[in-house]
């Protein structure tokens, strides 16, 4: 009976470790999605009362998003490396 209890605790610990691993991998996209939804909802609500201000904020957000990407496109990066290596 003690062996079963030890196996259950071990499997619970393994399950918890697996859950933590999966949770850490999905945290950044989840946070990014929540931030995007909050920005969209905020702009929508702001446009109801102050449409000019919401328009200016949306235009500023567009300007910021047109700059250099923070994370380069991996396919273009790989294509550039292959071009340099002449493969």
PDB file of N, CA and C in Angstrom:
ATOM      1  N   UNK A   1       0.824  -1.190   0.000  1.00  0.00           N
ATOM      2  CA  UNK A   1       0.000   0.000   0.000  1.00  0.00           C
ATOM      3  C   UNK A   1       0.869   1.256   0.000  1.00  0.00           C
ATOM      4  N   UNK A   2       1.995   1.200   0.738  1.00  0.00           N
ATOM      5  CA  UNK A   2       2.895   2.342   0.768  1.00  0.00           C
ATOM      6  C   UNK A   2       3.529   2.560  -0.598  1.00  0.00           C
ATOM      7  N   UNK A   3       3.775   1.452  -1.339  1.00  0.00           N
ATOM      8  CA  UNK A   3       4.346   1.578  -2.676  1.00  0.00           C
ATOM      9  C   UNK A   3       3.402   2.342  -3.603  1.00  0.00           C
ATOM     10  N   UNK A   4       2.105   2.050  -3.478  1.00  0.00           N
ATOM     11  CA  UNK A   4       1.130   2.749  -4.307  1.00  0.00           C
ATOM     12  C   UNK A   4       1.100   4.235  -3.962  1.00  0.00           C
ATOM     13  N   UNK A   5       1.190   4.556  -2.671  1.00  0.00           N
ATOM     14  CA  UNK A   5       1.189   5.951  -2.255  1.00  0.00           C
ATOM     15  C   UNK A   5       2.434   6.665  -2.776  1.00  0.00           C
ATOM     16  N   UNK A   6       3.581   5.983  -2.720  1.00  0.00           N
ATOM     17  CA  UNK A   6       4.819   6.578  -3.227  1.00  0.00           C
ATOM     18  C   UNK A   6       4.734   6.781  -4.733  1.00  0.00           C
ATOM     19  N   UNK A   7       4.151   5.809  -5.458  1.00  0.00           N
ATOM     20  CA  UNK A   7       4.000   5.939  -6.904  1.00  0.00           C
ATOM     21  C   UNK A   7       3.055   7.096  -7.232  1.00  0.00           C
ATOM     22  N   UNK A   8       1.970   7.232  -6.443  1.00  0.00           N
ATOM     23  CA  UNK A   8       1.026   8.316  -6.687  1.00  0.00           C
ATOM     24  C   UNK A   8       1.701   9.664  -6.467  1.00  0.00           C
ATOM     25  N   UNK A   9       2.482   9.793  -5.394  1.00  0.00           N
ATOM     26  CA  UNK A   9       3.179  11.048  -5.142  1.00  0.00           C
ATOM     27  C   UNK A   9       4.176  11.335  -6.260  1.00  0.00           C
ATOM     28  N   UNK A  10       4.866  10.311  -6.698  1.00  0.00           N
ATOM     29  CA  UNK A  10       5.838  10.501  -7.766  1.00  0.00           C
ATOM     30  C   UNK A  10       5.146  10.935  -9.046  1.00  0.00           C
ATOM     31  N   UNK A  11       4.047  10.280  -9.368  1.00  0.00           N
ATOM     32  CA  UNK A  11       3.350  10.656 -10.588  1.00  0.00           C
ATOM     33  C   UNK A  11       2.735  12.046 -10.453  1.00  0.00           C
ATOM     34  N   UNK A  12       2.283  12.425  -9.273  1.00  0.00           N
ATOM     35  CA  UNK A  12       1.770  13.770  -9.058  1.00  0.00           C
ATOM     36  C   UNK A  12       2.876  14.802  -9.250  1.00  0.00           C
ATOM     37  N   UNK A  13       4.077  14.489  -8.741  1.00  0.00           N
ATOM     38  CA  UNK A  13       5.198  15.406  -8.894  1.00  0.00           C
ATOM     39  C   UNK A  13       5.589  15.532 -10.364  1.00  0.00           C
ATOM     40  N   UNK A  14       5.580  14.424 -11.071  1.00  0.00           N
ATOM     41  CA  UNK A  14       5.904  14.459 -12.492  1.00  0.00           C
ATOM     42  C   UNK A  14       4.848  15.262 -13.258  1.00  0.00           C
ATOM     43  N   UNK A  15       3.592  15.056 -12.895  1.00  0.00           N
ATOM     44  CA  UNK A  15       2.512  15.789 -13.541  1.00  0.00           C
ATOM     45  C   UNK A  15       2.645  17.287 -13.284  1.00  0.00           C
ATOM     46  N   UNK A  16       2.983  17.648 -12.063  1.00  0.00           N
ATOM     47  CA  UNK A  16       3.170  19.053 -11.724  1.00  0.00           C
ATOM     48  C   UNK A  16       4.354  19.650 -12.488  1.00  0.00           C
ATOM     49  N   UNK A  17       5.448  18.897 -12.595  1.00  0.00           N
ATOM     50  CA  UNK A  17       6.609  19.377 -13.351  1.00  0.00           C
ATOM     51  C   UNK A  17       6.259  19.563 -14.821  1.00  0.00           C
ATOM     52  N   UNK A  18       5.489  18.632 -15.376  1.00  0.00           N
ATOM     53  CA  UNK A  18       5.068  18.747 -16.776  1.00  0.00           C
ATOM     54  C   UNK A  18       4.149  19.948 -16.959  1.00  0.00           C
ATOM     55  N   UNK A  19       3.243  20.154 -16.020  1.00  0.00           N
ATOM     56  CA  UNK A  19       2.334  21.295 -16.090  1.00  0.00           C
ATOM     57  C   UNK A  19       3.116  22.610 -16.048  1.00  0.00           C
ATOM     58  N   UNK A  20       4.092  22.700 -15.141  1.00  0.00           N
ATOM     59  CA  UNK A  20       4.906  23.909 -15.048  1.00  0.00           C
ATOM     60  C   UNK A  20       5.660  24.153 -16.342  1.00  0.00           C
ATOM     61  N   UNK A  21       6.165  23.094 -16.955  1.00  0.00           N
ATOM     62  CA  UNK A  21       6.900  23.225 -18.207  1.00  0.00           C
ATOM     63  C   UNK A  21       5.995  23.748 -19.315  1.00  0.00           C
ATOM     64  N   UNK A  22       4.813  23.194 -19.431  1.00  0.00           N
ATOM     65  CA  UNK A  22       3.871  23.622 -20.465  1.00  0.00           C
ATOM     66  C   UNK A  22       3.388  25.040 -20.186  1.00  0.00           C
ATOM     67  N   UNK A  23       3.153  25.339 -18.936  1.00  0.00           N
ATOM     68  CA  UNK A  23       2.659  26.663 -18.567  1.00  0.00           C
ATOM     69  C   UNK A  23       3.683  27.737 -18.910  1.00  0.00           C
ATOM     70  N   UNK A  24       4.955  27.483 -18.641  1.00  0.00           N
ATOM     71  CA  UNK A  24       5.990  28.468 -18.947  1.00  0.00           C
ATOM     72  C   UNK A  24       6.093  28.715 -20.443  1.00  0.00           C
ATOM     73  N   UNK A  25       5.900  27.674 -21.244  1.00  0.00           N
ATOM     74  CA  UNK A  25       5.998  27.818 -22.689  1.00  0.00           C
ATOM     75  C   UNK A  25       4.832  28.620 -23.259  1.00  0.00           C
ATOM     76  N   UNK A  26       3.684  28.572 -22.625  1.00  0.00           N
ATOM     77  CA  UNK A  26       2.507  29.249 -23.172  1.00  0.00           C
ATOM     78  C   UNK A  26       2.247  30.607 -22.523  1.00  0.00           C
ATOM     79  N   UNK A  27       3.033  31.006 -21.530  1.00  0.00           N
ATOM     80  CA  UNK A  27       2.800  32.285 -20.860  1.00  0.00           C
ATOM     81  C   UNK A  27       2.986  33.498 -21.769  1.00  0.00           C
ATOM     82  N   UNK A  28       4.099  33.630 -22.495  1.00  0.00           N
ATOM     83  CA  UNK A  28       4.270  34.844 -23.320  1.00  0.00           C
ATOM     84  C   UNK A  28       3.169  35.046 -24.369  1.00  0.00           C
ATOM     85  N   UNK A  29       2.767  34.022 -25.123  1.00  0.00           N
ATOM     86  CA  UNK A  29       1.674  34.267 -26.075  1.00  0.00           C
ATOM     87  C   UNK A  29       0.359  34.630 -25.384  1.00  0.00           C
ATOM     88  N   UNK A  30       0.116  34.054 -24.236  1.00  0.00           N
ATOM     89  CA  UNK A  30      -1.123  34.373 -23.523  1.00  0.00           C
ATOM     90  C   UNK A  30      -1.109  35.822 -23.050  1.00  0.00           C
ATOM     91  N   UNK A  31       0.018  36.265 -22.524  1.00  0.00           N
ATOM     92  CA  UNK A  31       0.122  37.649 -22.069  1.00  0.00           C
ATOM     93  C   UNK A  31      -0.011  38.599 -23.254  1.00  0.00           C
ATOM     94  N   UNK A  32       0.627  38.260 -24.369  1.00  0.00           N
ATOM     95  CA  UNK A  32       0.535  39.107 -25.555  1.00  0.00           C
ATOM     96  C   UNK A  32      -0.913  39.194 -26.046  1.00  0.00           C
ATOM     97  N   UNK A  33      -1.627  38.088 -26.031  1.00  0.00           N
ATOM     98  CA  UNK A  33      -3.023  38.095 -26.457  1.00  0.00           C
ATOM     99  C   UNK A  33      -3.871  38.968 -25.542  1.00  0.00           C
ATOM    100  N   UNK A  34      -3.640  38.876 -24.238  1.00  0.00           N
ATOM    101  CA  UNK A  34      -4.412  39.687 -23.285  1.00  0.00           C
ATOM    102  C   UNK A  34      -4.120  41.169 -23.487  1.00  0.00           C
ATOM    103  N   UNK A  35      -2.853  41.513 -23.715  1.00  0.00           N
ATOM    104  CA  UNK A  35      -2.495  42.914 -23.939  1.00  0.00           C
ATOM    105  C   UNK A  35      -3.156  43.436 -25.213  1.00  0.00           C
ATOM    106  N   UNK A  36      -3.128  42.635 -26.280  1.00  0.00           N
ATOM    107  CA  UNK A  36      -3.756  43.064 -27.535  1.00  0.00           C
ATOM    108  C   UNK A  36      -5.263  43.255 -27.372  1.00  0.00           C
ATOM    109  N   UNK A  37      -5.900  42.351 -26.677  1.00  0.00           N
ATOM    110  CA  UNK A  37      -7.345  42.465 -26.439  1.00  0.00           C
ATOM    111  C   UNK A  37      -7.643  43.706 -25.592  1.00  0.00           C
ATOM    112  N   UNK A  38      -6.816  43.960 -24.585  1.00  0.00           N
ATOM    113  CA  UNK A  38      -7.028  45.129 -23.734  1.00  0.00           C
ATOM    114  C   UNK A  38      -6.845  46.425 -24.531  1.00  0.00           C
ATOM    115  N   UNK A  39      -5.830  46.463 -25.389  1.00  0.00           N
ATOM    116  CA  UNK A  39      -5.618  47.660 -26.212  1.00  0.00           C
ATOM    117  C   UNK A  39      -6.801  47.864 -27.154  1.00  0.00           C
ATOM    118  N   UNK A  40      -7.256  46.789 -27.783  1.00  0.00           N
ATOM    119  CA  UNK A  40      -8.397  46.893 -28.694  1.00  0.00           C
ATOM    120  C   UNK A  40      -9.658  47.347 -27.981  1.00  0.00           C
ATOM    121  N   UNK A  41      -9.926  46.770 -26.821  1.00  0.00           N
ATOM    122  CA  UNK A  41     -11.117  47.156 -26.061  1.00  0.00           C
ATOM    123  C   UNK A  41     -11.008  48.605 -25.588  1.00  0.00           C
ATOM    124  N   UNK A  42      -9.808  48.979 -25.145  1.00  0.00           N
ATOM    125  CA  UNK A  42      -9.606  50.353 -24.692  1.00  0.00           C
ATOM    126  C   UNK A  42      -9.815  51.361 -25.813  1.00  0.00           C
ATOM    127  N   UNK A  43      -9.273  51.060 -26.991  1.00  0.00           N
ATOM    128  CA  UNK A  43      -9.453  51.963 -28.133  1.00  0.00           C
ATOM    129  C   UNK A  43     -10.920  52.039 -28.552  1.00  0.00           C
ATOM    130  N   UNK A  44     -11.608  50.906 -28.503  1.00  0.00           N
ATOM    131  CA  UNK A  44     -13.028  50.905 -28.859  1.00  0.00           C
ATOM    132  C   UNK A  44     -13.835  51.772 -27.889  1.00  0.00           C
ATOM    133  N   UNK A  45     -13.626  51.574 -26.597  1.00  0.00           N
ATOM    134  CA  UNK A  45     -14.367  52.349 -25.603  1.00  0.00           C
ATOM    135  C   UNK A  45     -14.007  53.831 -25.675  1.00  0.00           C
ATOM    136  N   UNK A  46     -12.732  54.111 -25.926  1.00  0.00           N
ATOM    137  CA  UNK A  46     -12.301  55.495 -26.045  1.00  0.00           C
ATOM    138  C   UNK A  46     -12.920  56.163 -27.266  1.00  0.00           C
ATOM    139  N   UNK A  47     -13.081  55.393 -28.336  1.00  0.00           N
ATOM    140  CA  UNK A  47     -13.655  55.966 -29.560  1.00  0.00           C
ATOM    141  C   UNK A  47     -15.122  56.334 -29.399  1.00  0.00           C
ATOM    142  N   UNK A  48     -15.800  55.718 -28.447  1.00  0.00           N
ATOM    143  CA  UNK A  48     -17.198  56.061 -28.212  1.00  0.00           C
ATOM    144  C   UNK A  48     -17.340  57.466 -27.613  1.00  0.00           C
ATOM    145  N   UNK A  49     -16.446  57.822 -26.712  1.00  0.00           N
ATOM    146  CA  UNK A  49     -16.544  59.110 -26.025  1.00  0.00           C
ATOM    147  C   UNK A  49     -15.629  60.164 -26.655  1.00  0.00           C
ATOM    148  N   UNK A  50     -14.414  59.770 -27.046  1.00  0.00           N
ATOM    149  CA  UNK A  50     -13.430  60.700 -27.609  1.00  0.00           C
ATOM    150  C   UNK A  50     -12.875  60.144 -28.920  1.00  0.00           C
ATOM    151  N   UNK A  51     -13.628  60.232 -30.004  1.00  0.00           N
ATOM    152  CA  UNK A  51     -13.184  59.620 -31.261  1.00  0.00           C
ATOM    153  C   UNK A  51     -11.894  60.221 -31.824  1.00  0.00           C
ATOM    154  N   UNK A  52     -11.675  61.531 -31.641  1.00  0.00           N
ATOM    155  CA  UNK A  52     -10.455  62.150 -32.165  1.00  0.00           C
ATOM    156  C   UNK A  52      -9.219  61.622 -31.441  1.00  0.00           C
ATOM    157  N   UNK A  53      -9.297  61.521 -30.129  1.00  0.00           N
ATOM    158  CA  UNK A  53      -8.179  61.006 -29.341  1.00  0.00           C
ATOM    159  C   UNK A  53      -7.898  59.544 -29.689  1.00  0.00           C
ATOM    160  N   UNK A  54      -8.943  58.754 -29.832  1.00  0.00           N
ATOM    161  CA  UNK A  54      -8.774  57.352 -30.198  1.00  0.00           C
ATOM    162  C   UNK A  54      -8.123  57.222 -31.569  1.00  0.00           C
ATOM    163  N   UNK A  55      -8.508  58.098 -32.503  1.00  0.00           N
ATOM    164  CA  UNK A  55      -7.904  58.082 -33.830  1.00  0.00           C
ATOM    165  C   UNK A  55      -6.426  58.424 -33.789  1.00  0.00           C
ATOM    166  N   UNK A  56      -6.061  59.419 -32.970  1.00  0.00           N
ATOM    167  CA  UNK A  56      -4.649  59.777 -32.850  1.00  0.00           C
ATOM    168  C   UNK A  56      -3.842  58.650 -32.207  1.00  0.00           C
ATOM    169  N   UNK A  57      -4.398  58.015 -31.184  1.00  0.00           N
ATOM    170  CA  UNK A  57      -3.709  56.887 -30.542  1.00  0.00           C
ATOM    171  C   UNK A  57      -3.551  55.711 -31.497  1.00  0.00           C
ATOM    172  N   UNK A  58      -4.579  55.441 -32.278  1.00  0.00           N
ATOM    173  CA  UNK A  58      -4.497  54.352 -33.247  1.00  0.00           C
ATOM    174  C   UNK A  58      -3.444  54.650 -34.306  1.00  0.00           C
ATOM    175  N   UNK A  59      -3.375  55.890 -34.750  1.00  0.00           N
ATOM    176  CA  UNK A  59      -2.357  56.274 -35.732  1.00  0.00           C
ATOM    177  C   UNK A  59      -0.955  56.131 -35.138  1.00  0.00           C
ATOM    178  N   UNK A  60      -0.791  56.529 -33.884  1.00  0.00           N
ATOM    179  CA  UNK A  60       0.513  56.378 -33.218  1.00  0.00           C
ATOM    180  C   UNK A  60       0.880  54.905 -33.082  1.00  0.00           C
ATOM    181  N   UNK A  61      -0.090  54.077 -32.765  1.00  0.00           N
ATOM    182  CA  UNK A  61       0.154  52.634 -32.657  1.00  0.00           C
ATOM    183  C   UNK A  61       0.576  52.067 -34.005  1.00  0.00           C
ATOM    184  N   UNK A  62      -0.036  52.528 -35.081  1.00  0.00           N
ATOM    185  CA  UNK A  62       0.367  52.099 -36.426  1.00  0.00           C
ATOM    186  C   UNK A  62       1.791  52.519 -36.733  1.00  0.00           C
ATOM    187  N   UNK A  63       2.158  53.758 -36.359  1.00  0.00           N
ATOM    188  CA  UNK A  63       3.519  54.240 -36.585  1.00  0.00           C
ATOM    189  C   UNK A  63       4.538  53.380 -35.839  1.00  0.00           C
ATOM    190  N   UNK A  64       4.231  53.035 -34.604  1.00  0.00           N
ATOM    191  CA  UNK A  64       5.143  52.222 -33.813  1.00  0.00           C
ATOM    192  C   UNK A  64       5.287  50.810 -34.373  1.00  0.00           C
ATOM    193  N   UNK A  65       4.217  50.287 -34.935  1.00  0.00           N
ATOM    194  CA  UNK A  65       4.259  48.914 -35.442  1.00  0.00           C
ATOM    195  C   UNK A  65       4.938  48.808 -36.796  1.00  0.00           C
ATOM    196  N   UNK A  66       5.162  49.941 -37.492  1.00  0.00           N
ATOM    197  CA  UNK A  66       5.806  49.904 -38.796  1.00  0.00           C
ATOM    198  C   UNK A  66       7.323  49.927 -38.713  1.00  0.00           C
ATOM    199  N   UNK A  67       7.906  50.073 -37.544  1.00  0.00           N
ATOM    200  CA  UNK A  67       9.353  50.142 -37.385  1.00  0.00           C
ATOM    201  C   UNK A  67      10.008  48.779 -37.582  1.00  0.00           C
ATOM    202  N   UNK A  68      11.267  48.720 -37.215  1.00  0.00           N
ATOM    203  CA  UNK A  68      12.013  47.466 -37.304  1.00  0.00           C
ATOM    204  C   UNK A  68      11.368  46.420 -36.395  1.00  0.00           C
ATOM    205  N   UNK A  69      11.243  45.193 -36.884  1.00  0.00           N
ATOM    206  CA  UNK A  69      10.683  44.150 -36.029  1.00  0.00           C
ATOM    207  C   UNK A  69      11.636  43.792 -34.894  1.00  0.00           C
ATOM    208  N   UNK A  70      11.077  43.507 -33.742  1.00  0.00           N
ATOM    209  CA  UNK A  70      11.882  43.116 -32.589  1.00  0.00           C
ATOM    210  C   UNK A  70      12.477  41.732 -32.822  1.00  0.00           C
ATOM    211  N   UNK A  71      11.678  40.830 -33.372  1.00  0.00           N
ATOM    212  CA  UNK A  71      12.129  39.471 -33.676  1.00  0.00           C
ATOM    213  C   UNK A  71      12.133  39.328 -35.189  1.00  0.00           C
ATOM    214  N   UNK A  72      13.309  39.072 -35.794  1.00  0.00           N
ATOM    215  CA  UNK A  72      13.354  38.956 -37.252  1.00  0.00           C
ATOM    216  C   UNK A  72      12.603  37.721 -37.745  1.00  0.00           C
ATOM    217  N   UNK A  73      12.154  37.800 -38.982  1.00  0.00           N
ATOM    218  CA  UNK A  73      11.456  36.679 -39.594  1.00  0.00           C
ATOM    219  C   UNK A  73      12.442  35.523 -39.786  1.00  0.00           C
ATOM    220  N   UNK A  74      12.204  34.370 -39.178  1.00  0.00           N
ATOM    221  CA  UNK A  74      13.182  33.277 -39.255  1.00  0.00           C
ATOM    222  C   UNK A  74      13.380  32.738 -40.671  1.00  0.00           C
ATOM    223  N   UNK A  75      12.367  32.782 -41.499  1.00  0.00           N
ATOM    224  CA  UNK A  75      12.506  32.258 -42.862  1.00  0.00           C
ATOM    225  C   UNK A  75      13.427  33.170 -43.680  1.00  0.00           C
ATOM    226  N   UNK A  76      13.229  34.475 -43.573  1.00  0.00           N
ATOM    227  CA  UNK A  76      14.104  35.410 -44.280  1.00  0.00           C
ATOM    228  C   UNK A  76      15.529  35.345 -43.738  1.00  0.00           C
ATOM    229  N   UNK A  77      15.671  35.152 -42.433  1.00  0.00           N
ATOM    230  CA  UNK A  77      16.993  35.043 -41.841  1.00  0.00           C
ATOM    231  C   UNK A  77      17.710  33.806 -42.365  1.00  0.00           C
ATOM    232  N   UNK A  78      17.012  32.688 -42.449  1.00  0.00           N
ATOM    233  CA  UNK A  78      17.595  31.456 -42.970  1.00  0.00           C
ATOM    234  C   UNK A  78      17.931  31.599 -44.449  1.00  0.00           C
ATOM    235  N   UNK A  79      17.064  32.245 -45.202  1.00  0.00           N
ATOM    236  CA  UNK A  79      17.335  32.470 -46.622  1.00  0.00           C
ATOM    237  C   UNK A  79      18.565  33.353 -46.792  1.00  0.00           C
ATOM    238  N   UNK A  80      18.730  34.354 -45.956  1.00  0.00           N
ATOM    239  CA  UNK A  80      19.913  35.214 -46.009  1.00  0.00           C
ATOM    240  C   UNK A  80      21.187  34.440 -45.694  1.00  0.00           C
ATOM    241  N   UNK A  81      21.105  33.559 -44.707  1.00  0.00           N
ATOM    242  CA  UNK A  81      22.270  32.720 -44.359  1.00  0.00           C
ATOM    243  C   UNK A  81      22.623  31.797 -45.521  1.00  0.00           C
ATOM    244  N   UNK A  82      21.633  31.207 -46.154  1.00  0.00           N
ATOM    245  CA  UNK A  82      21.891  30.310 -47.283  1.00  0.00           C
ATOM    246  C   UNK A  82      22.498  31.074 -48.458  1.00  0.00           C
ATOM    247  N   UNK A  83      22.041  32.305 -48.666  1.00  0.00           N
ATOM    248  CA  UNK A  83      22.621  33.128 -49.735  1.00  0.00           C
ATOM    249  C   UNK A  83      24.088  33.435 -49.458  1.00  0.00           C
ATOM    250  N   UNK A  84      24.393  33.727 -48.186  1.00  0.00           N
ATOM    251  CA  UNK A  84      25.782  34.017 -47.841  1.00  0.00           C
ATOM    252  C   UNK A  84      26.676  32.798 -47.993  1.00  0.00           C
ATOM    253  N   UNK A  85      26.132  31.631 -47.699  1.00  0.00           N
ATOM    254  CA  UNK A  85      26.909  30.390 -47.801  1.00  0.00           C
ATOM    255  C   UNK A  85      26.927  29.828 -49.215  1.00  0.00           C
ATOM    256  N   UNK A  86      26.099  30.383 -50.078  1.00  0.00           N
ATOM    257  CA  UNK A  86      25.990  29.935 -51.473  1.00  0.00           C
ATOM    258  C   UNK A  86      25.641  28.456 -51.573  1.00  0.00           C
ATOM    259  N   UNK A  87      24.655  28.061 -50.777  1.00  0.00           N
ATOM    260  CA  UNK A  87      24.204  26.655 -50.797  1.00  0.00           C
ATOM    261  C   UNK A  87      23.026  26.540 -51.716  1.00  0.00           C
TER     262      UNK A  87
END
